[in-house]
ModelCIF file with pLDDT and N, C-alpha, C, O atoms, coordinates in Angstrom:
data_MODEL
#
_entry.id   MODEL 
#
_entity.id                         1 
_entity.type                       polymer 
_entity.pdbx_number_of_molecules   1 
#
_entity_poly.entity_id                      1 
_entity_poly.type                           'polypeptide(L)' 
_entity_poly.nstd_linkage                   no 
_entity_poly.nstd_monomer                   no 
_entity_poly.pdbx_seq_one_letter_code       
;(UNK)(UNK)(UNK)(UNK)(UNK)(UNK)(UNK)(UNK)(UNK)(UNK)(UNK)(UNK)(UNK)(UNK)(UNK)(UNK)
(UNK)(UNK)(UNK)(UNK)(UNK)(UNK)(UNK)(UNK)(UNK)(UNK)(UNK)(UNK)(UNK)(UNK)(UNK)(UNK)
(UNK)(UNK)(UNK)(UNK)(UNK)(UNK)(UNK)(UNK)(UNK)(UNK)
;
_entity_poly.pdbx_seq_one_letter_code_can   XXXXXXXXXXXXXXXXXXXXXXXXXXXXXXXXXXXXXXXXXX 
_entity_poly.pdbx_strand_id                 A 
#
loop_
_entity_poly_seq.entity_id 
_entity_poly_seq.num 
_entity_poly_seq.mon_id 
_entity_poly_seq.hetero 
1 1  UNK n 
1 2  UNK n 
1 3  UNK n 
1 4  UNK n 
1 5  UNK n 
1 6  UNK n 
1 7  UNK n 
1 8  UNK n 
1 9  UNK n 
1 10 UNK n 
1 11 UNK n 
1 12 UNK n 
1 13 UNK n 
1 14 UNK n 
1 15 UNK n 
1 16 UNK n 
1 17 UNK n 
1 18 UNK n 
1 19 UNK n 
1 20 UNK n 
1 21 UNK n 
1 22 UNK n 
1 23 UNK n 
1 24 UNK n 
1 25 UNK n 
1 26 UNK n 
1 27 UNK n 
1 28 UNK n 
1 29 UNK n 
1 30 UNK n 
1 31 UNK n 
1 32 UNK n 
1 33 UNK n 
1 34 UNK n 
1 35 UNK n 
1 36 UNK n 
1 37 UNK n 
1 38 UNK n 
1 39 UNK n 
1 40 UNK n 
1 41 UNK n 
1 42 UNK n 
#
_struct_asym.id          A 
_struct_asym.entity_id   1 
#
loop_
_ma_qa_metric.id 
_ma_qa_metric.mode 
_ma_qa_metric.name 
_ma_qa_metric.software_group_id 
_ma_qa_metric.type 
1 global pLDDT . pLDDT 
2 local  pLDDT . pLDDT 
#
_ma_qa_metric_global.metric_id      1 
_ma_qa_metric_global.metric_value   93.21 
_ma_qa_metric_global.model_id       1 
_ma_qa_metric_global.ordinal_id     1 
#
loop_
_ma_qa_metric_local.label_asym_id 
_ma_qa_metric_local.label_comp_id 
_ma_qa_metric_local.label_seq_id 
_ma_qa_metric_local.metric_id 
_ma_qa_metric_local.metric_value 
_ma_qa_metric_local.model_id 
_ma_qa_metric_local.ordinal_id 
A UNK 1  2 92.00 1 1  
A UNK 2  2 90.00 1 2  
A UNK 3  2 90.00 1 3  
A UNK 4  2 92.00 1 4  
A UNK 5  2 91.00 1 5  
A UNK 6  2 94.00 1 6  
A UNK 7  2 92.00 1 7  
A UNK 8  2 96.00 1 8  
A UNK 9  2 95.00 1 9  
A UNK 10 2 95.00 1 10 
A UNK 11 2 94.00 1 11 
A UNK 12 2 92.00 1 12 
A UNK 13 2 88.00 1 13 
A UNK 14 2 85.00 1 14 
A UNK 15 2 82.00 1 15 
A UNK 16 2 76.00 1 16 
A UNK 17 2 80.00 1 17 
A UNK 18 2 84.00 1 18 
A UNK 19 2 89.00 1 19 
A UNK 20 2 93.00 1 20 
A UNK 21 2 95.00 1 21 
A UNK 22 2 95.00 1 22 
A UNK 23 2 97.00 1 23 
A UNK 24 2 97.00 1 24 
A UNK 25 2 97.00 1 25 
A UNK 26 2 97.00 1 26 
A UNK 27 2 97.00 1 27 
A UNK 28 2 97.00 1 28 
A UNK 29 2 96.00 1 29 
A UNK 30 2 97.00 1 30 
A UNK 31 2 96.00 1 31 
A UNK 32 2 96.00 1 32 
A UNK 33 2 96.00 1 33 
A UNK 34 2 95.00 1 34 
A UNK 35 2 97.00 1 35 
A UNK 36 2 97.00 1 36 
A UNK 37 2 97.00 1 37 
A UNK 38 2 97.00 1 38 
A UNK 39 2 97.00 1 39 
A UNK 40 2 98.00 1 40 
A UNK 41 2 97.00 1 41 
A UNK 42 2 97.00 1 42 
#
loop_
_atom_site.group_PDB 
_atom_site.id 
_atom_site.type_symbol 
_atom_site.label_atom_id 
_atom_site.label_alt_id 
_atom_site.label_comp_id 
_atom_site.label_asym_id 
_atom_site.label_entity_id 
_atom_site.label_seq_id 
_atom_site.pdbx_PDB_ins_code 
_atom_site.Cartn_x 
_atom_site.Cartn_y 
_atom_site.Cartn_z 
_atom_site.occupancy 
_atom_site.B_iso_or_equiv 
_atom_site.pdbx_formal_charge 
_atom_site.auth_seq_id 
_atom_site.auth_comp_id 
_atom_site.auth_asym_id 
_atom_site.auth_atom_id 
_atom_site.pdbx_PDB_model_num 
ATOM 1   N N  . UNK A 1 1  ? 98.921  77.173  91.607  1.00 92.00 ? 1  UNK A N  1 
ATOM 2   C CA . UNK A 1 1  ? 98.383  77.519  90.300  1.00 92.00 ? 1  UNK A CA 1 
ATOM 3   C C  . UNK A 1 1  ? 97.190  76.640  89.952  1.00 92.00 ? 1  UNK A C  1 
ATOM 4   O O  . UNK A 1 1  ? 96.224  77.100  89.344  1.00 92.00 ? 1  UNK A O  1 
ATOM 5   N N  . UNK A 1 2  ? 97.268  75.369  90.343  1.00 90.00 ? 2  UNK A N  1 
ATOM 6   C CA . UNK A 1 2  ? 96.178  74.445  90.080  1.00 90.00 ? 2  UNK A CA 1 
ATOM 7   C C  . UNK A 1 2  ? 94.992  74.743  91.002  1.00 90.00 ? 2  UNK A C  1 
ATOM 8   O O  . UNK A 1 2  ? 93.836  74.664  90.585  1.00 90.00 ? 2  UNK A O  1 
ATOM 9   N N  . UNK A 1 3  ? 95.292  75.085  92.254  1.00 90.00 ? 3  UNK A N  1 
ATOM 10  C CA . UNK A 1 3  ? 94.239  75.265  93.254  1.00 90.00 ? 3  UNK A CA 1 
ATOM 11  C C  . UNK A 1 3  ? 93.449  76.548  93.078  1.00 90.00 ? 3  UNK A C  1 
ATOM 12  O O  . UNK A 1 3  ? 92.257  76.572  93.383  1.00 90.00 ? 3  UNK A O  1 
ATOM 13  N N  . UNK A 1 4  ? 94.070  77.616  92.597  1.00 92.00 ? 4  UNK A N  1 
ATOM 14  C CA . UNK A 1 4  ? 93.400  78.911  92.538  1.00 92.00 ? 4  UNK A CA 1 
ATOM 15  C C  . UNK A 1 4  ? 92.151  78.859  91.656  1.00 92.00 ? 4  UNK A C  1 
ATOM 16  O O  . UNK A 1 4  ? 92.258  78.543  90.471  1.00 92.00 ? 4  UNK A O  1 
ATOM 17  N N  . UNK A 1 5  ? 90.989  79.157  92.193  1.00 91.00 ? 5  UNK A N  1 
ATOM 18  C CA . UNK A 1 5  ? 89.756  79.107  91.389  1.00 91.00 ? 5  UNK A CA 1 
ATOM 19  C C  . UNK A 1 5  ? 89.640  80.263  90.406  1.00 91.00 ? 5  UNK A C  1 
ATOM 20  O O  . UNK A 1 5  ? 88.762  80.260  89.544  1.00 91.00 ? 5  UNK A O  1 
ATOM 21  N N  . UNK A 1 6  ? 90.523  81.256  90.531  1.00 94.00 ? 6  UNK A N  1 
ATOM 22  C CA . UNK A 1 6  ? 90.447  82.432  89.661  1.00 94.00 ? 6  UNK A CA 1 
ATOM 23  C C  . UNK A 1 6  ? 91.572  82.469  88.622  1.00 94.00 ? 6  UNK A C  1 
ATOM 24  O O  . UNK A 1 6  ? 91.712  83.453  87.896  1.00 94.00 ? 6  UNK A O  1 
ATOM 25  N N  . UNK A 1 7  ? 92.374  81.400  88.549  1.00 92.00 ? 7  UNK A N  1 
ATOM 26  C CA . UNK A 1 7  ? 93.439  81.293  87.537  1.00 92.00 ? 7  UNK A CA 1 
ATOM 27  C C  . UNK A 1 7  ? 94.428  82.459  87.591  1.00 92.00 ? 7  UNK A C  1 
ATOM 28  O O  . UNK A 1 7  ? 94.760  83.040  86.559  1.00 92.00 ? 7  UNK A O  1 
ATOM 29  N N  . UNK A 1 8  ? 94.893  82.797  88.783  1.00 96.00 ? 8  UNK A N  1 
ATOM 30  C CA . UNK A 1 8  ? 95.729  83.981  88.920  1.00 96.00 ? 8  UNK A CA 1 
ATOM 31  C C  . UNK A 1 8  ? 97.236  83.696  89.029  1.00 96.00 ? 8  UNK A C  1 
ATOM 32  O O  . UNK A 1 8  ? 97.992  84.257  88.237  1.00 96.00 ? 8  UNK A O  1 
ATOM 33  N N  . UNK A 1 9  ? 97.710  82.870  89.948  1.00 95.00 ? 9  UNK A N  1 
ATOM 34  C CA . UNK A 1 9  ? 99.173  82.717  90.094  1.00 95.00 ? 9  UNK A CA 1 
ATOM 35  C C  . UNK A 1 9  ? 99.820  82.302  88.774  1.00 95.00 ? 9  UNK A C  1 
ATOM 36  O O  . UNK A 1 9  ? 99.308  81.437  88.063  1.00 95.00 ? 9  UNK A O  1 
ATOM 37  N N  . UNK A 1 10 ? 100.933 82.921  88.464  1.00 95.00 ? 10 UNK A N  1 
ATOM 38  C CA . UNK A 1 10 ? 101.666 82.615  87.235  1.00 95.00 ? 10 UNK A CA 1 
ATOM 39  C C  . UNK A 1 10 ? 103.101 82.263  87.600  1.00 95.00 ? 10 UNK A C  1 
ATOM 40  O O  . UNK A 1 10 ? 103.630 82.744  88.602  1.00 95.00 ? 10 UNK A O  1 
ATOM 41  N N  . UNK A 1 11 ? 103.723 81.430  86.789  1.00 94.00 ? 11 UNK A N  1 
ATOM 42  C CA . UNK A 1 11 ? 105.089 80.972  87.054  1.00 94.00 ? 11 UNK A CA 1 
ATOM 43  C C  . UNK A 1 11 ? 106.051 81.679  86.121  1.00 94.00 ? 11 UNK A C  1 
ATOM 44  O O  . UNK A 1 11 ? 105.802 81.820  84.924  1.00 94.00 ? 11 UNK A O  1 
ATOM 45  N N  . UNK A 1 12 ? 107.143 82.116  86.696  1.00 92.00 ? 12 UNK A N  1 
ATOM 46  C CA . UNK A 1 12 ? 108.139 82.890  85.937  1.00 92.00 ? 12 UNK A CA 1 
ATOM 47  C C  . UNK A 1 12 ? 109.034 81.923  85.153  1.00 92.00 ? 12 UNK A C  1 
ATOM 48  O O  . UNK A 1 12 ? 110.211 81.757  85.474  1.00 92.00 ? 12 UNK A O  1 
ATOM 49  N N  . UNK A 1 13 ? 108.463 81.288  84.125  1.00 88.00 ? 13 UNK A N  1 
ATOM 50  C CA . UNK A 1 13 ? 109.172 80.239  83.396  1.00 88.00 ? 13 UNK A CA 1 
ATOM 51  C C  . UNK A 1 13 ? 110.428 80.756  82.692  1.00 88.00 ? 13 UNK A C  1 
ATOM 52  O O  . UNK A 1 13 ? 111.398 80.011  82.551  1.00 88.00 ? 13 UNK A O  1 
ATOM 53  N N  . UNK A 1 14 ? 110.430 82.014  82.250  1.00 85.00 ? 14 UNK A N  1 
ATOM 54  C CA . UNK A 1 14 ? 111.570 82.505  81.488  1.00 85.00 ? 14 UNK A CA 1 
ATOM 55  C C  . UNK A 1 14 ? 112.776 82.831  82.363  1.00 85.00 ? 14 UNK A C  1 
ATOM 56  O O  . UNK A 1 14 ? 113.852 83.138  81.850  1.00 85.00 ? 14 UNK A O  1 
ATOM 57  N N  . UNK A 1 15 ? 112.597 82.763  83.705  1.00 82.00 ? 15 UNK A N  1 
ATOM 58  C CA . UNK A 1 15 ? 113.726 82.968  84.609  1.00 82.00 ? 15 UNK A CA 1 
ATOM 59  C C  . UNK A 1 15 ? 114.295 81.600  84.967  1.00 82.00 ? 15 UNK A C  1 
ATOM 60  O O  . UNK A 1 15 ? 113.852 80.967  85.925  1.00 82.00 ? 15 UNK A O  1 
ATOM 61  N N  . UNK A 1 16 ? 115.278 81.149  84.192  1.00 76.00 ? 16 UNK A N  1 
ATOM 62  C CA . UNK A 1 16 ? 115.785 79.784  84.337  1.00 76.00 ? 16 UNK A CA 1 
ATOM 63  C C  . UNK A 1 16 ? 116.520 79.568  85.651  1.00 76.00 ? 16 UNK A C  1 
ATOM 64  O O  . UNK A 1 16 ? 116.481 78.465  86.197  1.00 76.00 ? 16 UNK A O  1 
ATOM 65  N N  . UNK A 1 17 ? 117.187 80.589  86.172  1.00 80.00 ? 17 UNK A N  1 
ATOM 66  C CA . UNK A 1 17 ? 118.010 80.425  87.367  1.00 80.00 ? 17 UNK A CA 1 
ATOM 67  C C  . UNK A 1 17 ? 117.200 80.497  88.660  1.00 80.00 ? 17 UNK A C  1 
ATOM 68  O O  . UNK A 1 17 ? 117.503 79.793  89.622  1.00 80.00 ? 17 UNK A O  1 
ATOM 69  N N  . UNK A 1 18 ? 116.171 81.346  88.685  1.00 84.00 ? 18 UNK A N  1 
ATOM 70  C CA . UNK A 1 18 ? 115.420 81.505  89.924  1.00 84.00 ? 18 UNK A CA 1 
ATOM 71  C C  . UNK A 1 18 ? 113.944 81.751  89.625  1.00 84.00 ? 18 UNK A C  1 
ATOM 72  O O  . UNK A 1 18 ? 113.438 82.840  89.895  1.00 84.00 ? 18 UNK A O  1 
ATOM 73  N N  . UNK A 1 19 ? 113.238 80.751  89.069  1.00 89.00 ? 19 UNK A N  1 
ATOM 74  C CA . UNK A 1 19 ? 111.819 80.945  88.754  1.00 89.00 ? 19 UNK A CA 1 
ATOM 75  C C  . UNK A 1 19 ? 110.984 81.055  90.022  1.00 89.00 ? 19 UNK A C  1 
ATOM 76  O O  . UNK A 1 19 ? 111.258 80.379  91.013  1.00 89.00 ? 19 UNK A O  1 
ATOM 77  N N  . UNK A 1 20 ? 109.969 81.905  89.988  1.00 93.00 ? 20 UNK A N  1 
ATOM 78  C CA . UNK A 1 20 ? 109.098 82.096  91.145  1.00 93.00 ? 20 UNK A CA 1 
ATOM 79  C C  . UNK A 1 20 ? 107.654 82.194  90.688  1.00 93.00 ? 20 UNK A C  1 
ATOM 80  O O  . UNK A 1 20 ? 107.367 82.390  89.507  1.00 93.00 ? 20 UNK A O  1 
ATOM 81  N N  . UNK A 1 21 ? 106.744 82.053  91.659  1.00 95.00 ? 21 UNK A N  1 
ATOM 82  C CA . UNK A 1 21 ? 105.326 82.300  91.406  1.00 95.00 ? 21 UNK A CA 1 
ATOM 83  C C  . UNK A 1 21 ? 105.086 83.800  91.577  1.00 95.00 ? 21 UNK A C  1 
ATOM 84  O O  . UNK A 1 21 ? 105.571 84.408  92.531  1.00 95.00 ? 21 UNK A O  1 
ATOM 85  N N  . UNK A 1 22 ? 104.339 84.386  90.652  1.00 95.00 ? 22 UNK A N  1 
ATOM 86  C CA . UNK A 1 22 ? 104.167 85.836  90.682  1.00 95.00 ? 22 UNK A CA 1 
ATOM 87  C C  . UNK A 1 22 ? 102.679 86.181  90.533  1.00 95.00 ? 22 UNK A C  1 
ATOM 88  O O  . UNK A 1 22 ? 101.946 85.546  89.775  1.00 95.00 ? 22 UNK A O  1 
ATOM 89  N N  . UNK A 1 23 ? 102.265 87.202  91.277  1.00 97.00 ? 23 UNK A N  1 
ATOM 90  C CA . UNK A 1 23 ? 100.878 87.659  91.212  1.00 97.00 ? 23 UNK A CA 1 
ATOM 91  C C  . UNK A 1 23 ? 100.763 89.016  91.908  1.00 97.00 ? 23 UNK A C  1 
ATOM 92  O O  . UNK A 1 23 ? 101.712 89.499  92.525  1.00 97.00 ? 23 UNK A O  1 
ATOM 93  N N  . UNK A 1 24 ? 99.583  89.613  91.793  1.00 97.00 ? 24 UNK A N  1 
ATOM 94  C CA . UNK A 1 24 ? 99.277  90.858  92.498  1.00 97.00 ? 24 UNK A CA 1 
ATOM 95  C C  . UNK A 1 24 ? 99.364  90.655  94.006  1.00 97.00 ? 24 UNK A C  1 
ATOM 96  O O  . UNK A 1 24 ? 98.910  89.636  94.527  1.00 97.00 ? 24 UNK A O  1 
ATOM 97  N N  . UNK A 1 25 ? 99.944  91.618  94.703  1.00 97.00 ? 25 UNK A N  1 
ATOM 98  C CA . UNK A 1 25 ? 100.036 91.567  96.171  1.00 97.00 ? 25 UNK A CA 1 
ATOM 99  C C  . UNK A 1 25 ? 99.154  92.632  96.827  1.00 97.00 ? 25 UNK A C  1 
ATOM 100 O O  . UNK A 1 25 ? 99.283  92.893  98.023  1.00 97.00 ? 25 UNK A O  1 
ATOM 101 N N  . UNK A 1 26 ? 98.261  93.244  96.052  1.00 97.00 ? 26 UNK A N  1 
ATOM 102 C CA . UNK A 1 26 ? 97.449  94.374  96.513  1.00 97.00 ? 26 UNK A CA 1 
ATOM 103 C C  . UNK A 1 26 ? 98.365  95.492  97.029  1.00 97.00 ? 26 UNK A C  1 
ATOM 104 O O  . UNK A 1 26 ? 98.001  96.264  97.917  1.00 97.00 ? 26 UNK A O  1 
ATOM 105 N N  . UNK A 1 27 ? 99.577  95.549  96.433  1.00 97.00 ? 27 UNK A N  1 
ATOM 106 C CA . UNK A 1 27 ? 100.575 96.566  96.809  1.00 97.00 ? 27 UNK A CA 1 
ATOM 107 C C  . UNK A 1 27 ? 100.840 96.534  98.322  1.00 97.00 ? 27 UNK A C  1 
ATOM 108 O O  . UNK A 1 27 ? 100.842 97.573  98.982  1.00 97.00 ? 27 UNK A O  1 
ATOM 109 N N  . UNK A 1 28 ? 101.059 95.342  98.851  1.00 97.00 ? 28 UNK A N  1 
ATOM 110 C CA . UNK A 1 28 ? 101.277 95.162  100.291 1.00 97.00 ? 28 UNK A CA 1 
ATOM 111 C C  . UNK A 1 28 ? 102.346 96.100  100.845 1.00 97.00 ? 28 UNK A C  1 
ATOM 112 O O  . UNK A 1 28 ? 102.130 96.677  101.911 1.00 97.00 ? 28 UNK A O  1 
ATOM 113 N N  . UNK A 1 29 ? 103.503 96.285  100.169 1.00 96.00 ? 29 UNK A N  1 
ATOM 114 C CA . UNK A 1 29 ? 104.500 97.228  100.707 1.00 96.00 ? 29 UNK A CA 1 
ATOM 115 C C  . UNK A 1 29 ? 103.957 98.644  100.835 1.00 96.00 ? 29 UNK A C  1 
ATOM 116 O O  . UNK A 1 29 ? 104.293 99.352  101.784 1.00 96.00 ? 29 UNK A O  1 
ATOM 117 N N  . UNK A 1 30 ? 103.116 99.065  99.882  1.00 97.00 ? 30 UNK A N  1 
ATOM 118 C CA . UNK A 1 30 ? 102.521 100.401 99.959  1.00 97.00 ? 30 UNK A CA 1 
ATOM 119 C C  . UNK A 1 30 ? 101.518 100.484 101.113 1.00 97.00 ? 30 UNK A C  1 
ATOM 120 O O  . UNK A 1 30 ? 101.433 101.503 101.798 1.00 97.00 ? 30 UNK A O  1 
ATOM 121 N N  . UNK A 1 31 ? 100.766 99.413  101.317 1.00 96.00 ? 31 UNK A N  1 
ATOM 122 C CA . UNK A 1 31 ? 99.805  99.413  102.423 1.00 96.00 ? 31 UNK A CA 1 
ATOM 123 C C  . UNK A 1 31 ? 100.526 99.567  103.757 1.00 96.00 ? 31 UNK A C  1 
ATOM 124 O O  . UNK A 1 31 ? 100.034 100.252 104.654 1.00 96.00 ? 31 UNK A O  1 
ATOM 125 N N  . UNK A 1 32 ? 101.686 98.935  103.891 1.00 96.00 ? 32 UNK A N  1 
ATOM 126 C CA . UNK A 1 32 ? 102.446 99.060  105.130 1.00 96.00 ? 32 UNK A CA 1 
ATOM 127 C C  . UNK A 1 32 ? 102.939 100.480 105.352 1.00 96.00 ? 32 UNK A C  1 
ATOM 128 O O  . UNK A 1 32 ? 103.207 100.879 106.485 1.00 96.00 ? 32 UNK A O  1 
ATOM 129 N N  . UNK A 1 33 ? 103.060 101.251 104.259 1.00 96.00 ? 33 UNK A N  1 
ATOM 130 C CA . UNK A 1 33 ? 103.484 102.647 104.362 1.00 96.00 ? 33 UNK A CA 1 
ATOM 131 C C  . UNK A 1 33 ? 102.289 103.591 104.494 1.00 96.00 ? 33 UNK A C  1 
ATOM 132 O O  . UNK A 1 33 ? 102.464 104.808 104.549 1.00 96.00 ? 33 UNK A O  1 
ATOM 133 N N  . UNK A 1 34 ? 101.093 103.043 104.545 1.00 95.00 ? 34 UNK A N  1 
ATOM 134 C CA . UNK A 1 34 ? 99.899  103.883 104.660 1.00 95.00 ? 34 UNK A CA 1 
ATOM 135 C C  . UNK A 1 34 ? 99.424  104.437 103.336 1.00 95.00 ? 34 UNK A C  1 
ATOM 136 O O  . UNK A 1 34 ? 98.630  105.378 103.313 1.00 95.00 ? 34 UNK A O  1 
ATOM 137 N N  . UNK A 1 35 ? 99.896  103.871 102.222 1.00 97.00 ? 35 UNK A N  1 
ATOM 138 C CA . UNK A 1 35 ? 99.499  104.355 100.905 1.00 97.00 ? 35 UNK A CA 1 
ATOM 139 C C  . UNK A 1 35 ? 98.407  103.470 100.315 1.00 97.00 ? 35 UNK A C  1 
ATOM 140 O O  . UNK A 1 35 ? 98.141  102.376 100.813 1.00 97.00 ? 35 UNK A O  1 
ATOM 141 N N  . UNK A 1 36 ? 97.781  103.956 99.253  1.00 97.00 ? 36 UNK A N  1 
ATOM 142 C CA . UNK A 1 36 ? 96.783  103.191 98.530  1.00 97.00 ? 36 UNK A CA 1 
ATOM 143 C C  . UNK A 1 36 ? 97.462  102.230 97.566  1.00 97.00 ? 36 UNK A C  1 
ATOM 144 O O  . UNK A 1 36 ? 98.600  102.470 97.162  1.00 97.00 ? 36 UNK A O  1 
ATOM 145 N N  . UNK A 1 37 ? 96.789  101.148 97.188  1.00 97.00 ? 37 UNK A N  1 
ATOM 146 C CA . UNK A 1 37 ? 97.312  100.331 96.083  1.00 97.00 ? 37 UNK A CA 1 
ATOM 147 C C  . UNK A 1 37 ? 97.493  101.194 94.847  1.00 97.00 ? 37 UNK A C  1 
ATOM 148 O O  . UNK A 1 37 ? 96.714  102.119 94.617  1.00 97.00 ? 37 UNK A O  1 
ATOM 149 N N  . UNK A 1 38 ? 98.503  100.906 94.058  1.00 97.00 ? 38 UNK A N  1 
ATOM 150 C CA . UNK A 1 38 ? 98.812  101.742 92.902  1.00 97.00 ? 38 UNK A CA 1 
ATOM 151 C C  . UNK A 1 38 ? 97.646  101.896 91.949  1.00 97.00 ? 38 UNK A C  1 
ATOM 152 O O  . UNK A 1 38 ? 97.403  102.994 91.447  1.00 97.00 ? 38 UNK A O  1 
ATOM 153 N N  . UNK A 1 39 ? 96.916  100.818 91.687  1.00 97.00 ? 39 UNK A N  1 
ATOM 154 C CA . UNK A 1 39 ? 95.804  100.885 90.738  1.00 97.00 ? 39 UNK A CA 1 
ATOM 155 C C  . UNK A 1 39 ? 94.683  101.764 91.266  1.00 97.00 ? 39 UNK A C  1 
ATOM 156 O O  . UNK A 1 39 ? 94.078  102.521 90.507  1.00 97.00 ? 39 UNK A O  1 
ATOM 157 N N  . UNK A 1 40 ? 94.399  101.670 92.563  1.00 98.00 ? 40 UNK A N  1 
ATOM 158 C CA . UNK A 1 40 ? 93.340  102.486 93.162  1.00 98.00 ? 40 UNK A CA 1 
ATOM 159 C C  . UNK A 1 40 ? 93.701  103.968 93.071  1.00 98.00 ? 40 UNK A C  1 
ATOM 160 O O  . UNK A 1 40 ? 92.859  104.807 92.751  1.00 98.00 ? 40 UNK A O  1 
ATOM 161 N N  . UNK A 1 41 ? 94.952  104.272 93.354  1.00 97.00 ? 41 UNK A N  1 
ATOM 162 C CA . UNK A 1 41 ? 95.404  105.661 93.317  1.00 97.00 ? 41 UNK A CA 1 
ATOM 163 C C  . UNK A 1 41 ? 95.343  106.239 91.908  1.00 97.00 ? 41 UNK A C  1 
ATOM 164 O O  . UNK A 1 41 ? 95.102  107.434 91.733  1.00 97.00 ? 41 UNK A O  1 
ATOM 165 N N  . UNK A 1 42 ? 95.563  105.383 90.893  1.00 97.00 ? 42 UNK A N  1 
ATOM 166 C CA . UNK A 1 42 ? 95.628  105.876 89.511  1.00 97.00 ? 42 UNK A CA 1 
ATOM 167 C C  . UNK A 1 42 ? 94.270  105.949 88.836  1.00 97.00 ? 42 UNK A C  1 
ATOM 168 O O  . UNK A 1 42 ? 94.179  106.346 87.674  1.00 97.00 ? 42 UNK A O  1 
#
């Protein structure tokens, strides 16, 4: 979060039991299926 020059990674602070870093993945699972990113398709 500190290193990113574009201020993108966010921390899931409200998830007390299992907080994670969250951000756009360019719809990586969709790309593996041969699909477009959701935003591009829409």
